[in-house]
Amino acid sequence: MTERVPILQIGNVLLVSIQTDLDDQSVMLLQDELAAEVVETGAHGVVIDITAVDIVDSFVGRMLATIASISRLLDAQTVVVGMRPAVAITLVELGLSLGGVRTALSLDKGLRLLERARAESLEEPEPDAAAGPGADGVGPDAAAGL
């Protein structure tokens, strides 16, 4: 039976609390539902709480990285919180470093990490779109002298 993982909204953050070990179908369903929720809510952050997870296989590990990548492409940073030492060891033994996935020991630390990341992203200057491609001397038009 496919387990549905609840997705809760707290302000601009979606909280996914995984309370049981997931089968492959449940992980795929979570991926699809979470992507839809990020778009629908305009969330800027996703926290995946895996405190209750005892076992992670290579598929679930890869899907955590995939979920984080999808969320990032949809303008939402992802933090995985509550990873147990045994889960971390298993991921390393499987060769899954979860590159690009931020982690925190607790939900509180994860939420603070997202707040800092959001504040930093708001401080970054936007590229000057009015100048057009190549106007800054960078890009394909600049090389062609256009």
C-alpha atoms as a PDB file:
ATOM      1  CA  MET A   1       0.000   0.000   0.000  1.00  0.00           C
ATOM      2  CA  THR A   2       1.325   3.428  -0.949  1.00  0.00           C
ATOM      3  CA  GLU A   3       1.711   5.750   2.043  1.00  0.00           C
ATOM      4  CA  ARG A   4       0.862   9.417   1.566  1.00  0.00           C
ATOM      5  CA  VAL A   5       3.208  11.791   3.308  1.00  0.00           C
ATOM      6  CA  PRO A   6       1.512  14.911   4.670  1.00  0.00           C
ATOM      7  CA  ILE A   7       2.786  18.251   3.369  1.00  0.00           C
ATOM      8  CA  LEU A   8       2.091  21.142   5.746  1.00  0.00           C
ATOM      9  CA  GLN A   9       2.533  24.835   5.037  1.00  0.00           C
ATOM     10  CA  ILE A  10       4.122  27.067   7.688  1.00  0.00           C
ATOM     11  CA  GLY A  11       4.340  30.582   6.284  1.00  0.00           C
ATOM     12  CA  ASN A  12       6.439  30.369   3.114  1.00  0.00           C
ATOM     13  CA  VAL A  13       7.834  26.949   4.023  1.00  0.00           C
ATOM     14  CA  LEU A  14       6.464  23.489   3.278  1.00  0.00           C
ATOM     15  CA  LEU A  15       7.106  20.884   5.965  1.00  0.00           C
ATOM     16  CA  VAL A  16       7.277  17.240   4.966  1.00  0.00           C
ATOM     17  CA  SER A  17       7.439  14.982   8.002  1.00  0.00           C
ATOM     18  CA  ILE A  18       8.229  11.421   7.005  1.00  0.00           C
ATOM     19  CA  GLN A  19       6.996   9.228   9.848  1.00  0.00           C
ATOM     20  CA  THR A  20       7.700   5.812   8.382  1.00  0.00           C
ATOM     21  CA  ASP A  21      10.118   4.092   6.044  1.00  0.00           C
ATOM     22  CA  LEU A  22       8.858   4.728   2.516  1.00  0.00           C
ATOM     23  CA  ASP A  23       8.551   2.342  -0.381  1.00  0.00           C
ATOM     24  CA  ASP A  24       9.515   3.440  -3.890  1.00  0.00           C
ATOM     25  CA  GLN A  25       5.934   4.305  -4.908  1.00  0.00           C
ATOM     26  CA  SER A  26       5.445   6.496  -1.838  1.00  0.00           C
ATOM     27  CA  VAL A  27       8.642   8.406  -2.621  1.00  0.00           C
ATOM     28  CA  MET A  28       7.557   8.979  -6.232  1.00  0.00           C
ATOM     29  CA  LEU A  29       4.135  10.179  -5.060  1.00  0.00           C
ATOM     30  CA  LEU A  30       5.801  12.542  -2.577  1.00  0.00           C
ATOM     31  CA  GLN A  31       8.031  13.938  -5.320  1.00  0.00           C
ATOM     32  CA  ASP A  32       5.049  14.731  -7.549  1.00  0.00           C
ATOM     33  CA  GLU A  33       2.852  16.127  -4.771  1.00  0.00           C
ATOM     34  CA  LEU A  34       5.623  18.264  -3.306  1.00  0.00           C
ATOM     35  CA  ALA A  35       6.499  19.818  -6.676  1.00  0.00           C
ATOM     36  CA  ALA A  36       2.826  20.679  -7.201  1.00  0.00           C
ATOM     37  CA  GLU A  37       2.573  22.175  -3.681  1.00  0.00           C
ATOM     38  CA  VAL A  38       5.683  24.328  -4.198  1.00  0.00           C
ATOM     39  CA  VAL A  39       4.146  25.809  -7.340  1.00  0.00           C
ATOM     40  CA  GLU A  40       0.647  26.159  -5.887  1.00  0.00           C
ATOM     41  CA  THR A  41       1.749  27.832  -2.643  1.00  0.00           C
ATOM     42  CA  GLY A  42       4.748  29.771  -3.946  1.00  0.00           C
ATOM     43  CA  ALA A  43       6.781  28.367  -1.051  1.00  0.00           C
ATOM     44  CA  HIS A  44      10.362  29.593  -0.745  1.00  0.00           C
ATOM     45  CA  GLY A  45      11.530  26.669   1.351  1.00  0.00           C
ATOM     46  CA  VAL A  46      10.977  22.966   1.905  1.00  0.00           C
ATOM     47  CA  VAL A  47      11.923  21.117   5.080  1.00  0.00           C
ATOM     48  CA  ILE A  48      11.989  17.333   4.882  1.00  0.00           C
ATOM     49  CA  ASP A  49      12.001  15.891   8.400  1.00  0.00           C
ATOM     50  CA  ILE A  50      13.375  12.339   8.427  1.00  0.00           C
ATOM     51  CA  THR A  51      13.732  11.997  12.210  1.00  0.00           C
ATOM     52  CA  ALA A  52      11.523   8.881  12.223  1.00  0.00           C
ATOM     53  CA  VAL A  53      13.283   7.218   9.266  1.00  0.00           C
ATOM     54  CA  ASP A  54      15.421   4.235  10.257  1.00  0.00           C
ATOM     55  CA  ILE A  55      16.325   2.843   6.836  1.00  0.00           C
ATOM     56  CA  VAL A  56      17.275   4.571   3.594  1.00  0.00           C
ATOM     57  CA  ASP A  57      18.103   2.647   0.449  1.00  0.00           C
ATOM     58  CA  SER A  58      19.839   3.998  -2.643  1.00  0.00           C
ATOM     59  CA  PHE A  59      16.547   4.816  -4.382  1.00  0.00           C
ATOM     60  CA  VAL A  60      15.206   6.869  -1.466  1.00  0.00           C
ATOM     61  CA  GLY A  61      18.576   8.607  -1.096  1.00  0.00           C
ATOM     62  CA  ARG A  62      18.633   9.568  -4.779  1.00  0.00           C
ATOM     63  CA  MET A  63      15.027  10.739  -4.570  1.00  0.00           C
ATOM     64  CA  LEU A  64      15.846  13.071  -1.658  1.00  0.00           C
ATOM     65  CA  ALA A  65      18.497  14.678  -3.859  1.00  0.00           C
ATOM     66  CA  THR A  66      16.057  14.786  -6.796  1.00  0.00           C
ATOM     67  CA  ILE A  67      13.320  16.374  -4.676  1.00  0.00           C
ATOM     68  CA  ALA A  68      15.801  19.038  -3.523  1.00  0.00           C
ATOM     69  CA  SER A  69      16.836  19.717  -7.139  1.00  0.00           C
ATOM     70  CA  ILE A  70      13.226  19.995  -8.314  1.00  0.00           C
ATOM     71  CA  SER A  71      12.387  22.358  -5.458  1.00  0.00           C
ATOM     72  CA  ARG A  72      15.464  24.480  -6.210  1.00  0.00           C
ATOM     73  CA  LEU A  73      14.402  24.772  -9.861  1.00  0.00           C
ATOM     74  CA  LEU A  74      10.990  25.925  -8.607  1.00  0.00           C
ATOM     75  CA  ASP A  75      12.679  28.632  -6.449  1.00  0.00           C
ATOM     76  CA  ALA A  76      12.422  26.806  -3.116  1.00  0.00           C
ATOM     77  CA  GLN A  77      15.473  25.797  -1.089  1.00  0.00           C
ATOM     78  CA  THR A  78      15.354  22.396   0.602  1.00  0.00           C
ATOM     79  CA  VAL A  79      16.742  21.328   3.961  1.00  0.00           C
ATOM     80  CA  VAL A  80      16.680  17.737   5.217  1.00  0.00           C
ATOM     81  CA  VAL A  81      16.459  17.656   9.015  1.00  0.00           C
ATOM     82  CA  GLY A  82      16.684  14.997  11.699  1.00  0.00           C
ATOM     83  CA  MET A  83      19.016  12.592   9.935  1.00  0.00           C
ATOM     84  CA  ARG A  84      20.052   9.778  12.254  1.00  0.00           C
ATOM     85  CA  PRO A  85      23.709   8.714  12.305  1.00  0.00           C
ATOM     86  CA  ALA A  86      22.834   5.267  10.905  1.00  0.00           C
ATOM     87  CA  VAL A  87      21.049   6.876   7.949  1.00  0.00           C
ATOM     88  CA  ALA A  88      24.013   9.186   7.284  1.00  0.00           C
ATOM     89  CA  ILE A  89      26.409   6.232   7.424  1.00  0.00           C
ATOM     90  CA  THR A  90      24.217   4.220   5.043  1.00  0.00           C
ATOM     91  CA  LEU A  91      24.050   7.087   2.546  1.00  0.00           C
ATOM     92  CA  VAL A  92      27.847   7.457   2.581  1.00  0.00           C
ATOM     93  CA  GLU A  93      28.328   3.690   2.211  1.00  0.00           C
ATOM     94  CA  LEU A  94      25.980   3.758  -0.790  1.00  0.00           C
ATOM     95  CA  GLY A  95      28.058   6.552  -2.324  1.00  0.00           C
ATOM     96  CA  LEU A  96      25.240   9.093  -1.968  1.00  0.00           C
ATOM     97  CA  SER A  97      26.587  12.327  -0.544  1.00  0.00           C
ATOM     98  CA  LEU A  98      23.336  14.191  -1.335  1.00  0.00           C
ATOM     99  CA  GLY A  99      25.360  16.959  -2.956  1.00  0.00           C
ATOM    100  CA  GLY A 100      23.472  20.226  -3.025  1.00  0.00           C
ATOM    101  CA  VAL A 101      21.104  19.126  -0.265  1.00  0.00           C
ATOM    102  CA  ARG A 102      21.387  21.192   2.890  1.00  0.00           C
ATOM    103  CA  THR A 103      21.019  19.360   6.173  1.00  0.00           C
ATOM    104  CA  ALA A 104      20.355  20.383   9.762  1.00  0.00           C
ATOM    105  CA  LEU A 105      20.122  18.368  12.951  1.00  0.00           C
ATOM    106  CA  SER A 106      16.735  19.742  14.029  1.00  0.00           C
ATOM    107  CA  LEU A 107      13.617  21.351  12.599  1.00  0.00           C
ATOM    108  CA  ASP A 108      14.435  24.618  14.370  1.00  0.00           C
ATOM    109  CA  LYS A 109      17.942  24.730  12.872  1.00  0.00           C
ATOM    110  CA  GLY A 110      16.544  23.847   9.451  1.00  0.00           C
ATOM    111  CA  LEU A 111      14.021  26.685   9.558  1.00  0.00           C
ATOM    112  CA  ARG A 112      16.754  29.140  10.617  1.00  0.00           C
ATOM    113  CA  LEU A 113      18.961  27.911   7.774  1.00  0.00           C
ATOM    114  CA  LEU A 114      16.148  28.576   5.293  1.00  0.00           C
ATOM    115  CA  GLU A 115      15.577  32.054   6.760  1.00  0.00           C
ATOM    116  CA  ARG A 116      19.261  32.929   6.321  1.00  0.00           C
ATOM    117  CA  ALA A 117      19.359  31.520   2.788  1.00  0.00           C
ATOM    118  CA  ARG A 118      16.252  33.498   1.832  1.00  0.00           C
ATOM    119  CA  ALA A 119      17.650  36.726   3.313  1.00  0.00           C
ATOM    120  CA  GLU A 120      20.915  36.231   1.408  1.00  0.00           C
ATOM    121  CA  SER A 121      19.086  35.582  -1.867  1.00  0.00           C
ATOM    122  CA  LEU A 122      17.065  38.783  -1.420  1.00  0.00           C
ATOM    123  CA  GLU A 123      20.281  40.770  -0.914  1.00  0.00           C
ATOM    124  CA  GLU A 124      21.824  39.558  -4.187  1.00  0.00           C
ATOM    125  CA  PRO A 125      21.422  42.138  -6.962  1.00  0.00           C
ATOM    126  CA  GLU A 126      19.284  41.070  -9.886  1.00  0.00           C
ATOM    127  CA  PRO A 127      21.027  41.018 -13.290  1.00  0.00           C
ATOM    128  CA  ASP A 128      20.211  44.083 -15.372  1.00  0.00           C
ATOM    129  CA  ALA A 129      17.575  42.603 -17.684  1.00  0.00           C
ATOM    130  CA  ALA A 130      17.080  45.945 -19.442  1.00  0.00           C
ATOM    131  CA  ALA A 131      20.629  45.841 -20.787  1.00  0.00           C
ATOM    132  CA  GLY A 132      19.843  42.750 -22.837  1.00  0.00           C
ATOM    133  CA  PRO A 133      22.019  39.717 -23.549  1.00  0.00           C
ATOM    134  CA  GLY A 134      25.640  40.464 -24.261  1.00  0.00           C
ATOM    135  CA  ALA A 135      25.351  44.129 -23.233  1.00  0.00           C
ATOM    136  CA  ASP A 136      27.596  43.494 -20.245  1.00  0.00           C
ATOM    137  CA  GLY A 137      30.301  41.987 -22.426  1.00  0.00           C
ATOM    138  CA  VAL A 138      29.322  38.475 -21.414  1.00  0.00           C
ATOM    139  CA  GLY A 139      27.411  35.937 -23.420  1.00  0.00           C
ATOM    140  CA  PRO A 140      27.240  34.785 -27.029  1.00  0.00           C
ATOM    141  CA  ASP A 141      26.476  38.222 -28.488  1.00  0.00           C
ATOM    142  CA  ALA A 142      29.525  39.761 -26.809  1.00  0.00           C
ATOM    143  CA  ALA A 143      31.846  37.215 -28.417  1.00  0.00           C
ATOM    144  CA  ALA A 144      30.405  37.966 -31.833  1.00  0.00           C
ATOM    145  CA  GLY A 145      30.840  41.701 -31.298  1.00  0.00           C
ATOM    146  CA  LEU A 146      27.091  42.276 -31.620  1.00  0.00           C
END
